[in-house]
Amino acid sequence: MKAVEPPAVGFALDGDADRLAVVLPGGELVSQEEVLEKLRHALGGKEVRADGEGGYLFPWHLPEKDPFLAALLLLQVLL
């Protein structure tokens, strides 16, 4: 995450794109517990679950993990 102006947040997906890591400037990883807390805040009461390996599930949305929705929701609360 090198740039003239550091980005506010970075997102990384695993090889099959079902897990998400959140990286802050300087390379600091956001813990899965903190990501889950921020997702719950962004959703305002809708259910979200974590699988403990970086996957986030939104049962009201899809039956599979959706790191792309998680990243979009996190943008609301991290920026």
C-alpha atoms as a PDB file:
ATOM      1  CA  MET A   1       0.000   0.000   0.000  1.00  0.00           C
ATOM      2  CA  LYS A   2       2.531   2.538  -1.144  1.00  0.00           C
ATOM      3  CA  ALA A   3       1.362   5.790  -2.687  1.00  0.00           C
ATOM      4  CA  VAL A   4       2.092   9.485  -2.658  1.00  0.00           C
ATOM      5  CA  GLU A   5      -0.991   9.871  -0.493  1.00  0.00           C
ATOM      6  CA  PRO A   6      -1.635   6.739   1.555  1.00  0.00           C
ATOM      7  CA  PRO A   7      -5.031   5.155   0.968  1.00  0.00           C
ATOM      8  CA  ALA A   8      -7.476   5.259   3.864  1.00  0.00           C
ATOM      9  CA  VAL A   9      -8.102   1.502   3.744  1.00  0.00           C
ATOM     10  CA  GLY A  10      -7.160  -1.527   1.674  1.00  0.00           C
ATOM     11  CA  PHE A  11      -9.011  -4.783   1.048  1.00  0.00           C
ATOM     12  CA  ALA A  12      -7.433  -8.125   0.203  1.00  0.00           C
ATOM     13  CA  LEU A  13      -9.242 -11.280  -0.909  1.00  0.00           C
ATOM     14  CA  ASP A  14      -7.988 -14.835  -0.827  1.00  0.00           C
ATOM     15  CA  GLY A  15      -7.522 -16.894  -4.003  1.00  0.00           C
ATOM     16  CA  ASP A  16     -11.147 -18.004  -4.386  1.00  0.00           C
ATOM     17  CA  ALA A  17     -12.511 -14.637  -3.193  1.00  0.00           C
ATOM     18  CA  ASP A  18     -14.545 -15.835  -0.217  1.00  0.00           C
ATOM     19  CA  ARG A  19     -12.461 -14.261   2.554  1.00  0.00           C
ATOM     20  CA  LEU A  20     -11.586 -10.645   3.255  1.00  0.00           C
ATOM     21  CA  ALA A  21      -8.711  -8.938   5.055  1.00  0.00           C
ATOM     22  CA  VAL A  22      -8.844  -5.242   5.875  1.00  0.00           C
ATOM     23  CA  VAL A  23      -5.573  -3.299   5.892  1.00  0.00           C
ATOM     24  CA  LEU A  24      -5.045   0.203   7.257  1.00  0.00           C
ATOM     25  CA  PRO A  25      -2.267   2.580   6.174  1.00  0.00           C
ATOM     26  CA  GLY A  26       1.118   1.313   7.259  1.00  0.00           C
ATOM     27  CA  GLY A  27       0.051  -2.287   6.774  1.00  0.00           C
ATOM     28  CA  GLU A  28      -1.893  -2.665  10.024  1.00  0.00           C
ATOM     29  CA  LEU A  29      -4.447  -5.482   9.744  1.00  0.00           C
ATOM     30  CA  VAL A  30      -7.888  -4.945  11.267  1.00  0.00           C
ATOM     31  CA  SER A  31      -8.862  -7.932  13.430  1.00  0.00           C
ATOM     32  CA  GLN A  32     -11.796 -10.073  12.353  1.00  0.00           C
ATOM     33  CA  GLU A  33     -13.601  -9.180  15.571  1.00  0.00           C
ATOM     34  CA  GLU A  34     -13.278  -5.476  14.813  1.00  0.00           C
ATOM     35  CA  VAL A  35     -14.404  -6.004  11.207  1.00  0.00           C
ATOM     36  CA  LEU A  36     -17.469  -7.891  12.452  1.00  0.00           C
ATOM     37  CA  GLU A  37     -18.244  -5.102  14.939  1.00  0.00           C
ATOM     38  CA  LYS A  38     -17.976  -2.466  12.197  1.00  0.00           C
ATOM     39  CA  LEU A  39     -20.174  -4.532   9.878  1.00  0.00           C
ATOM     40  CA  ARG A  40     -22.827  -4.804  12.572  1.00  0.00           C
ATOM     41  CA  HIS A  41     -22.653  -1.039  13.030  1.00  0.00           C
ATOM     42  CA  ALA A  42     -23.004  -0.438   9.283  1.00  0.00           C
ATOM     43  CA  LEU A  43     -25.989  -2.782   9.042  1.00  0.00           C
ATOM     44  CA  GLY A  44     -27.882  -1.295  11.977  1.00  0.00           C
ATOM     45  CA  GLY A  45     -29.407  -4.534  13.210  1.00  0.00           C
ATOM     46  CA  LYS A  46     -29.378  -6.835  10.178  1.00  0.00           C
ATOM     47  CA  GLU A  47     -27.688 -10.167  10.803  1.00  0.00           C
ATOM     48  CA  VAL A  48     -24.052 -10.729   9.892  1.00  0.00           C
ATOM     49  CA  ARG A  49     -21.858 -13.662  10.939  1.00  0.00           C
ATOM     50  CA  ALA A  50     -18.150 -14.384  10.703  1.00  0.00           C
ATOM     51  CA  ASP A  51     -16.722 -17.829  10.053  1.00  0.00           C
ATOM     52  CA  GLY A  52     -13.512 -17.167  12.008  1.00  0.00           C
ATOM     53  CA  GLU A  53     -11.353 -17.358   8.883  1.00  0.00           C
ATOM     54  CA  GLY A  54     -12.106 -13.998   7.277  1.00  0.00           C
ATOM     55  CA  GLY A  55     -15.431 -14.942   5.722  1.00  0.00           C
ATOM     56  CA  TYR A  56     -18.526 -12.853   6.407  1.00  0.00           C
ATOM     57  CA  LEU A  57     -22.043 -14.155   5.874  1.00  0.00           C
ATOM     58  CA  PHE A  58     -25.186 -12.118   5.362  1.00  0.00           C
ATOM     59  CA  PRO A  59     -28.042 -14.690   5.611  1.00  0.00           C
ATOM     60  CA  TRP A  60     -30.640 -12.186   4.397  1.00  0.00           C
ATOM     61  CA  HIS A  61     -28.570 -11.585   1.233  1.00  0.00           C
ATOM     62  CA  LEU A  62     -26.861 -14.794   0.010  1.00  0.00           C
ATOM     63  CA  PRO A  63     -26.295 -18.276   1.459  1.00  0.00           C
ATOM     64  CA  GLU A  64     -22.527 -17.984   0.715  1.00  0.00           C
ATOM     65  CA  LYS A  65     -19.845 -15.710   2.147  1.00  0.00           C
ATOM     66  CA  ASP A  66     -19.778 -12.319   0.448  1.00  0.00           C
ATOM     67  CA  PRO A  67     -16.541 -10.371   0.971  1.00  0.00           C
ATOM     68  CA  PHE A  68     -17.528  -7.823  -1.687  1.00  0.00           C
ATOM     69  CA  LEU A  69     -20.635  -6.746   0.230  1.00  0.00           C
ATOM     70  CA  ALA A  70     -18.552  -6.691   3.415  1.00  0.00           C
ATOM     71  CA  ALA A  71     -15.993  -4.382   1.766  1.00  0.00           C
ATOM     72  CA  LEU A  72     -18.685  -1.996   0.502  1.00  0.00           C
ATOM     73  CA  LEU A  73     -20.315  -1.839   3.927  1.00  0.00           C
ATOM     74  CA  LEU A  74     -16.968  -1.242   5.607  1.00  0.00           C
ATOM     75  CA  LEU A  75     -16.306   1.726   3.346  1.00  0.00           C
ATOM     76  CA  GLN A  76     -19.291   3.442   4.993  1.00  0.00           C
ATOM     77  CA  VAL A  77     -17.799   3.224   8.459  1.00  0.00           C
ATOM     78  CA  LEU A  78     -14.051   3.382   7.778  1.00  0.00           C
ATOM     79  CA  LEU A  79     -13.950   6.442   5.536  1.00  0.00           C
END
